[in-house]
Amino acid sequence: MALNPLQILKIKSILNDFRTRHPGFARFIKAIRKKGLPQGSVLEVKITFPEGQTMETNIRVSEEDLELLRTLSDLANS
């Protein structure tokens, strides 16, 4: 799937809005990028829904995952 320039601009706008609404998360991501995310790291995600229910999962980062993250980062910074 190829992205056209208008889609890229829309995604960049959405990402910029997200960064504005959630500056702490943006700083967290920046710190991770600075430190690096080596293969074998474990990412954990926990969601707490408004009614109190939680769901959580984790992944062990593979080389393919790192490639996806690099591609998304390049897209966000282009």
PDB file of N, CA and C in Angstrom:
ATOM      1  N   MET A   1       0.845  -1.170   0.000  1.00  0.00           N
ATOM      2  CA  MET A   1       0.000   0.000   0.000  1.00  0.00           C
ATOM      3  C   MET A   1       0.896   1.241   0.000  1.00  0.00           C
ATOM      4  N   ALA A   2       0.795   2.049  -1.009  1.00  0.00           N
ATOM      5  CA  ALA A   2       1.568   3.283  -1.095  1.00  0.00           C
ATOM      6  C   ALA A   2       0.737   4.442  -0.562  1.00  0.00           C
ATOM      7  N   LEU A   3       1.390   5.289   0.211  1.00  0.00           N
ATOM      8  CA  LEU A   3       0.711   6.470   0.735  1.00  0.00           C
ATOM      9  C   LEU A   3       0.912   7.625  -0.237  1.00  0.00           C
ATOM     10  N   ASN A   4      -0.151   8.341  -0.516  1.00  0.00           N
ATOM     11  CA  ASN A   4       0.019   9.515  -1.358  1.00  0.00           C
ATOM     12  C   ASN A   4       0.388  10.700  -0.468  1.00  0.00           C
ATOM     13  N   PRO A   5       0.920  11.765  -1.062  1.00  0.00           N
ATOM     14  CA  PRO A   5       1.364  12.912  -0.263  1.00  0.00           C
ATOM     15  C   PRO A   5       0.283  13.510   0.630  1.00  0.00           C
ATOM     16  N   LEU A   6      -0.968  13.514   0.173  1.00  0.00           N
ATOM     17  CA  LEU A   6      -2.036  14.055   1.016  1.00  0.00           C
ATOM     18  C   LEU A   6      -2.256  13.196   2.257  1.00  0.00           C
ATOM     19  N   GLN A   7      -2.142  11.877   2.119  1.00  0.00           N
ATOM     20  CA  GLN A   7      -2.275  10.991   3.279  1.00  0.00           C
ATOM     21  C   GLN A   7      -1.138  11.237   4.262  1.00  0.00           C
ATOM     22  N   ILE A   8       0.062  11.419   3.745  1.00  0.00           N
ATOM     23  CA  ILE A   8       1.216  11.670   4.610  1.00  0.00           C
ATOM     24  C   ILE A   8       1.013  12.969   5.393  1.00  0.00           C
ATOM     25  N   LEU A   9       0.554  14.012   4.715  1.00  0.00           N
ATOM     26  CA  LEU A   9       0.290  15.284   5.401  1.00  0.00           C
ATOM     27  C   LEU A   9      -0.784  15.133   6.470  1.00  0.00           C
ATOM     28  N   LYS A  10      -1.820  14.358   6.180  1.00  0.00           N
ATOM     29  CA  LYS A  10      -2.887  14.129   7.161  1.00  0.00           C
ATOM     30  C   LYS A  10      -2.342  13.392   8.380  1.00  0.00           C
ATOM     31  N   ILE A  11      -1.536  12.359   8.147  1.00  0.00           N
ATOM     32  CA  ILE A  11      -0.945  11.594   9.253  1.00  0.00           C
ATOM     33  C   ILE A  11      -0.040  12.494  10.087  1.00  0.00           C
ATOM     34  N   LYS A  12       0.774  13.325   9.426  1.00  0.00           N
ATOM     35  CA  LYS A  12       1.654  14.231  10.161  1.00  0.00           C
ATOM     36  C   LYS A  12       0.845  15.198  11.021  1.00  0.00           C
ATOM     37  N   SER A  13      -0.264  15.701  10.491  1.00  0.00           N
ATOM     38  CA  SER A  13      -1.116  16.615  11.245  1.00  0.00           C
ATOM     39  C   SER A  13      -1.716  15.915  12.468  1.00  0.00           C
ATOM     40  N   ILE A  14      -2.179  14.695  12.282  1.00  0.00           N
ATOM     41  CA  ILE A  14      -2.746  13.916  13.388  1.00  0.00           C
ATOM     42  C   ILE A  14      -1.684  13.652  14.455  1.00  0.00           C
ATOM     43  N   LEU A  15      -0.470  13.304  14.020  1.00  0.00           N
ATOM     44  CA  LEU A  15       0.619  13.054  14.975  1.00  0.00           C
ATOM     45  C   LEU A  15       0.975  14.326  15.741  1.00  0.00           C
ATOM     46  N   ASN A  16       1.025  15.457  15.061  1.00  0.00           N
ATOM     47  CA  ASN A  16       1.326  16.719  15.740  1.00  0.00           C
ATOM     48  C   ASN A  16       0.251  17.063  16.767  1.00  0.00           C
ATOM     49  N   ASP A  17      -1.013  16.855  16.418  1.00  0.00           N
ATOM     50  CA  ASP A  17      -2.101  17.081  17.369  1.00  0.00           C
ATOM     51  C   ASP A  17      -1.972  16.158  18.577  1.00  0.00           C
ATOM     52  N   PHE A  18      -1.619  14.893  18.344  1.00  0.00           N
ATOM     53  CA  PHE A  18      -1.433  13.927  19.429  1.00  0.00           C
ATOM     54  C   PHE A  18      -0.319  14.396  20.366  1.00  0.00           C
ATOM     55  N   ARG A  19       0.792  14.839  19.791  1.00  0.00           N
ATOM     56  CA  ARG A  19       1.917  15.329  20.604  1.00  0.00           C
ATOM     57  C   ARG A  19       1.498  16.524  21.462  1.00  0.00           C
ATOM     58  N   THR A  20       0.667  17.390  20.912  1.00  0.00           N
ATOM     59  CA  THR A  20       0.194  18.558  21.658  1.00  0.00           C
ATOM     60  C   THR A  20      -0.703  18.137  22.820  1.00  0.00           C
ATOM     61  N   ARG A  21      -1.586  17.181  22.585  1.00  0.00           N
ATOM     62  CA  ARG A  21      -2.513  16.718  23.635  1.00  0.00           C
ATOM     63  C   ARG A  21      -1.815  15.887  24.705  1.00  0.00           C
ATOM     64  N   HIS A  22      -0.732  15.211  24.334  1.00  0.00           N
ATOM     65  CA  HIS A  22      -0.070  14.269  25.245  1.00  0.00           C
ATOM     66  C   HIS A  22       1.435  14.514  25.286  1.00  0.00           C
ATOM     67  N   PRO A  23       1.873  15.679  25.786  1.00  0.00           N
ATOM     68  CA  PRO A  23       3.299  15.994  25.769  1.00  0.00           C
ATOM     69  C   PRO A  23       4.149  15.032  26.597  1.00  0.00           C
ATOM     70  N   GLY A  24       3.590  14.497  27.675  1.00  0.00           N
ATOM     71  CA  GLY A  24       4.344  13.542  28.490  1.00  0.00           C
ATOM     72  C   GLY A  24       4.670  12.274  27.715  1.00  0.00           C
ATOM     73  N   PHE A  25       3.722  11.810  26.924  1.00  0.00           N
ATOM     74  CA  PHE A  25       3.952  10.610  26.118  1.00  0.00           C
ATOM     75  C   PHE A  25       4.998  10.899  25.047  1.00  0.00           C
ATOM     76  N   ALA A  26       4.908  12.089  24.444  1.00  0.00           N
ATOM     77  CA  ALA A  26       5.890  12.468  23.431  1.00  0.00           C
ATOM     78  C   ALA A  26       7.296  12.520  24.038  1.00  0.00           C
ATOM     79  N   ARG A  27       7.432  13.057  25.245  1.00  0.00           N
ATOM     80  CA  ARG A  27       8.749  13.089  25.921  1.00  0.00           C
ATOM     81  C   ARG A  27       9.236  11.678  26.215  1.00  0.00           C
ATOM     82  N   PHE A  28       8.326  10.793  26.623  1.00  0.00           N
ATOM     83  CA  PHE A  28       8.677   9.411  26.897  1.00  0.00           C
ATOM     84  C   PHE A  28       9.234   8.745  25.636  1.00  0.00           C
ATOM     85  N   ILE A  29       8.549   8.922  24.510  1.00  0.00           N
ATOM     86  CA  ILE A  29       8.996   8.334  23.247  1.00  0.00           C
ATOM     87  C   ILE A  29      10.354   8.908  22.849  1.00  0.00           C
ATOM     88  N   LYS A  30      10.530  10.206  23.043  1.00  0.00           N
ATOM     89  CA  LYS A  30      11.805  10.849  22.716  1.00  0.00           C
ATOM     90  C   LYS A  30      12.933  10.255  23.564  1.00  0.00           C
ATOM     91  N   ALA A  31      12.677  10.029  24.849  1.00  0.00           N
ATOM     92  CA  ALA A  31      13.691   9.436  25.736  1.00  0.00           C
ATOM     93  C   ALA A  31      14.033   8.014  25.297  1.00  0.00           C
ATOM     94  N   ILE A  32      13.024   7.254  24.884  1.00  0.00           N
ATOM     95  CA  ILE A  32      13.282   5.890  24.402  1.00  0.00           C
ATOM     96  C   ILE A  32      14.120   5.937  23.132  1.00  0.00           C
ATOM     97  N   ARG A  33      13.795   6.852  22.227  1.00  0.00           N
ATOM     98  CA  ARG A  33      14.572   6.978  20.989  1.00  0.00           C
ATOM     99  C   ARG A  33      16.018   7.335  21.305  1.00  0.00           C
ATOM    100  N   LYS A  34      16.229   8.204  22.300  1.00  0.00           N
ATOM    101  CA  LYS A  34      17.584   8.611  22.672  1.00  0.00           C
ATOM    102  C   LYS A  34      18.366   7.433  23.256  1.00  0.00           C
ATOM    103  N   LYS A  35      17.718   6.685  24.130  1.00  0.00           N
ATOM    104  CA  LYS A  35      18.384   5.543  24.769  1.00  0.00           C
ATOM    105  C   LYS A  35      18.545   4.383  23.804  1.00  0.00           C
ATOM    106  N   GLY A  36      17.564   4.231  22.909  1.00  0.00           N
ATOM    107  CA  GLY A  36      17.575   3.097  21.992  1.00  0.00           C
ATOM    108  C   GLY A  36      16.651   2.009  22.505  1.00  0.00           C
ATOM    109  N   LEU A  37      16.131   1.230  21.587  1.00  0.00           N
ATOM    110  CA  LEU A  37      15.238   0.133  21.924  1.00  0.00           C
ATOM    111  C   LEU A  37      15.821  -1.127  21.294  1.00  0.00           C
ATOM    112  N   PRO A  38      16.660  -1.827  22.022  1.00  0.00           N
ATOM    113  CA  PRO A  38      17.311  -2.985  21.420  1.00  0.00           C
ATOM    114  C   PRO A  38      16.370  -4.180  21.232  1.00  0.00           C
ATOM    115  N   GLN A  39      16.703  -4.969  20.249  1.00  0.00           N
ATOM    116  CA  GLN A  39      15.979  -6.220  20.028  1.00  0.00           C
ATOM    117  C   GLN A  39      16.005  -7.014  21.324  1.00  0.00           C
ATOM    118  N   GLY A  40      14.901  -7.641  21.657  1.00  0.00           N
ATOM    119  CA  GLY A  40      14.795  -8.412  22.896  1.00  0.00           C
ATOM    120  C   GLY A  40      14.161  -7.631  24.038  1.00  0.00           C
ATOM    121  N   SER A  41      14.033  -6.305  23.876  1.00  0.00           N
ATOM    122  CA  SER A  41      13.338  -5.506  24.889  1.00  0.00           C
ATOM    123  C   SER A  41      11.882  -5.957  24.946  1.00  0.00           C
ATOM    124  N   VAL A  42      11.245  -5.745  26.075  1.00  0.00           N
ATOM    125  CA  VAL A  42       9.841  -6.105  26.231  1.00  0.00           C
ATOM    126  C   VAL A  42       9.020  -4.834  26.388  1.00  0.00           C
ATOM    127  N   LEU A  43       8.019  -4.675  25.517  1.00  0.00           N
ATOM    128  CA  LEU A  43       7.070  -3.565  25.611  1.00  0.00           C
ATOM    129  C   LEU A  43       5.812  -4.085  26.282  1.00  0.00           C
ATOM    130  N   GLU A  44       5.351  -3.369  27.301  1.00  0.00           N
ATOM    131  CA  GLU A  44       4.125  -3.750  27.991  1.00  0.00           C
ATOM    132  C   GLU A  44       3.107  -2.632  27.830  1.00  0.00           C
ATOM    133  N   VAL A  45       1.871  -3.016  27.569  1.00  0.00           N
ATOM    134  CA  VAL A  45       0.792  -2.050  27.406  1.00  0.00           C
ATOM    135  C   VAL A  45      -0.357  -2.476  28.310  1.00  0.00           C
ATOM    136  N   LYS A  46      -0.849  -1.513  29.086  1.00  0.00           N
ATOM    137  CA  LYS A  46      -2.010  -1.762  29.947  1.00  0.00           C
ATOM    138  C   LYS A  46      -3.029  -0.665  29.667  1.00  0.00           C
ATOM    139  N   ILE A  47      -4.263  -1.071  29.412  1.00  0.00           N
ATOM    140  CA  ILE A  47      -5.360  -0.143  29.168  1.00  0.00           C
ATOM    141  C   ILE A  47      -6.343  -0.267  30.324  1.00  0.00           C
ATOM    142  N   THR A  48      -6.708   0.869  30.908  1.00  0.00           N
ATOM    143  CA  THR A  48      -7.749   0.898  31.930  1.00  0.00           C
ATOM    144  C   THR A  48      -8.937   1.648  31.335  1.00  0.00           C
ATOM    145  N   PHE A  49     -10.038   0.947  31.170  1.00  0.00           N
ATOM    146  CA  PHE A  49     -11.242   1.526  30.594  1.00  0.00           C
ATOM    147  C   PHE A  49     -11.955   2.379  31.635  1.00  0.00           C
ATOM    148  N   PRO A  50     -12.799   3.328  31.204  1.00  0.00           N
ATOM    149  CA  PRO A  50     -13.481   4.215  32.157  1.00  0.00           C
ATOM    150  C   PRO A  50     -14.229   3.477  33.260  1.00  0.00           C
ATOM    151  N   GLU A  51     -14.773   2.304  32.956  1.00  0.00           N
ATOM    152  CA  GLU A  51     -15.523   1.567  33.980  1.00  0.00           C
ATOM    153  C   GLU A  51     -14.615   0.760  34.913  1.00  0.00           C
ATOM    154  N   GLY A  52     -13.279   0.834  34.687  1.00  0.00           N
ATOM    155  CA  GLY A  52     -12.340   0.177  35.585  1.00  0.00           C
ATOM    156  C   GLY A  52     -11.745  -1.125  35.065  1.00  0.00           C
ATOM    157  N   GLN A  53     -12.336  -1.723  34.034  1.00  0.00           N
ATOM    158  CA  GLN A  53     -11.791  -2.955  33.464  1.00  0.00           C
ATOM    159  C   GLN A  53     -10.417  -2.669  32.868  1.00  0.00           C
ATOM    160  N   THR A  54      -9.497  -3.616  33.006  1.00  0.00           N
ATOM    161  CA  THR A  54      -8.169  -3.449  32.425  1.00  0.00           C
ATOM    162  C   THR A  54      -7.856  -4.598  31.472  1.00  0.00           C
ATOM    163  N   MET A  55      -7.017  -4.288  30.518  1.00  0.00           N
ATOM    164  CA  MET A  55      -6.479  -5.291  29.598  1.00  0.00           C
ATOM    165  C   MET A  55      -5.002  -4.968  29.447  1.00  0.00           C
ATOM    166  N   GLU A  56      -4.187  -5.995  29.376  1.00  0.00           N
ATOM    167  CA  GLU A  56      -2.763  -5.756  29.192  1.00  0.00           C
ATOM    168  C   GLU A  56      -2.128  -6.856  28.359  1.00  0.00           C
ATOM    169  N   THR A  57      -1.028  -6.489  27.742  1.00  0.00           N
ATOM    170  CA  THR A  57      -0.280  -7.432  26.921  1.00  0.00           C
ATOM    171  C   THR A  57       1.160  -6.964  26.852  1.00  0.00           C
ATOM    172  N   ASN A  58       2.014  -7.783  26.264  1.00  0.00           N
ATOM    173  CA  ASN A  58       3.396  -7.375  26.052  1.00  0.00           C
ATOM    174  C   ASN A  58       3.936  -8.075  24.812  1.00  0.00           C
ATOM    175  N   ILE A  59       4.998  -7.493  24.269  1.00  0.00           N
ATOM    176  CA  ILE A  59       5.686  -8.127  23.149  1.00  0.00           C
ATOM    177  C   ILE A  59       7.188  -8.037  23.384  1.00  0.00           C
ATOM    178  N   ARG A  60       7.892  -9.032  22.938  1.00  0.00           N
ATOM    179  CA  ARG A  60       9.354  -8.991  22.914  1.00  0.00           C
ATOM    180  C   ARG A  60       9.731  -8.451  21.545  1.00  0.00           C
ATOM    181  N   VAL A  61      10.493  -7.374  21.521  1.00  0.00           N
ATOM    182  CA  VAL A  61      10.802  -6.660  20.290  1.00  0.00           C
ATOM    183  C   VAL A  61      11.745  -7.481  19.400  1.00  0.00           C
ATOM    184  N   SER A  62      11.307  -7.670  18.154  1.00  0.00           N
ATOM    185  CA  SER A  62      12.112  -8.389  17.161  1.00  0.00           C
ATOM    186  C   SER A  62      12.737  -7.376  16.197  1.00  0.00           C
ATOM    187  N   GLU A  63      13.632  -7.835  15.350  1.00  0.00           N
ATOM    188  CA  GLU A  63      14.231  -6.968  14.334  1.00  0.00           C
ATOM    189  C   GLU A  63      13.160  -6.416  13.400  1.00  0.00           C
ATOM    190  N   GLU A  64      12.172  -7.231  13.060  1.00  0.00           N
ATOM    191  CA  GLU A  64      11.072  -6.765  12.195  1.00  0.00           C
ATOM    192  C   GLU A  64      10.268  -5.657  12.873  1.00  0.00           C
ATOM    193  N   ASP A  65      10.067  -5.778  14.182  1.00  0.00           N
ATOM    194  CA  ASP A  65       9.366  -4.738  14.934  1.00  0.00           C
ATOM    195  C   ASP A  65      10.156  -3.434  14.901  1.00  0.00           C
ATOM    196  N   LEU A  66      11.474  -3.537  15.043  1.00  0.00           N
ATOM    197  CA  LEU A  66      12.318  -2.351  15.002  1.00  0.00           C
ATOM    198  C   LEU A  66      12.250  -1.681  13.638  1.00  0.00           C
ATOM    199  N   GLU A  67      12.185  -2.466  12.580  1.00  0.00           N
ATOM    200  CA  GLU A  67      12.067  -1.901  11.236  1.00  0.00           C
ATOM    201  C   GLU A  67      10.752  -1.132  11.098  1.00  0.00           C
ATOM    202  N   LEU A  68       9.660  -1.690  11.612  1.00  0.00           N
ATOM    203  CA  LEU A  68       8.373  -0.993  11.591  1.00  0.00           C
ATOM    204  C   LEU A  68       8.462   0.322  12.358  1.00  0.00           C
ATOM    205  N   LEU A  69       9.055   0.298  13.533  1.00  0.00           N
ATOM    206  CA  LEU A  69       9.187   1.513  14.346  1.00  0.00           C
ATOM    207  C   LEU A  69      10.052   2.555  13.647  1.00  0.00           C
ATOM    208  N   ARG A  70      11.130   2.121  12.987  1.00  0.00           N
ATOM    209  CA  ARG A  70      11.977   3.064  12.235  1.00  0.00           C
ATOM    210  C   ARG A  70      11.197   3.700  11.099  1.00  0.00           C
ATOM    211  N   THR A  71      10.413   2.884  10.401  1.00  0.00           N
ATOM    212  CA  THR A  71       9.623   3.398   9.291  1.00  0.00           C
ATOM    213  C   THR A  71       8.587   4.410   9.772  1.00  0.00           C
ATOM    214  N   LEU A  72       7.892   4.097  10.863  1.00  0.00           N
ATOM    215  CA  LEU A  72       6.916   5.028  11.423  1.00  0.00           C
ATOM    216  C   LEU A  72       7.580   6.313  11.900  1.00  0.00           C
ATOM    217  N   SER A  73       8.754   6.179  12.514  1.00  0.00           N
ATOM    218  CA  SER A  73       9.490   7.342  12.973  1.00  0.00           C
ATOM    219  C   SER A  73       9.912   8.214  11.798  1.00  0.00           C
ATOM    220  N   ASP A  74      10.396   7.587  10.750  1.00  0.00           N
ATOM    221  CA  ASP A  74      10.794   8.354   9.556  1.00  0.00           C
ATOM    222  C   ASP A  74       9.592   9.092   8.969  1.00  0.00           C
ATOM    223  N   LEU A  75       8.460   8.435   8.946  1.00  0.00           N
ATOM    224  CA  LEU A  75       7.241   9.055   8.421  1.00  0.00           C
ATOM    225  C   LEU A  75       6.834  10.247   9.283  1.00  0.00           C
ATOM    226  N   ALA A  76       6.906  10.076  10.599  1.00  0.00           N
ATOM    227  CA  ALA A  76       6.502  11.149  11.514  1.00  0.00           C
ATOM    228  C   ALA A  76       7.451  12.334  11.437  1.00  0.00           C
ATOM    229  N   ASN A  77       8.697  12.079  11.103  1.00  0.00           N
ATOM    230  CA  ASN A  77       9.700  13.164  11.094  1.00  0.00           C
ATOM    231  C   ASN A  77       9.979  13.730   9.718  1.00  0.00           C
ATOM    232  N   SER A  78       9.318  13.219   8.694  1.00  0.00           N
ATOM    233  CA  SER A  78       9.586  13.726   7.343  1.00  0.00           C
ATOM    234  C   SER A  78       8.768  14.957   7.033  1.00  0.00           C
TER     235      SER A  78
END
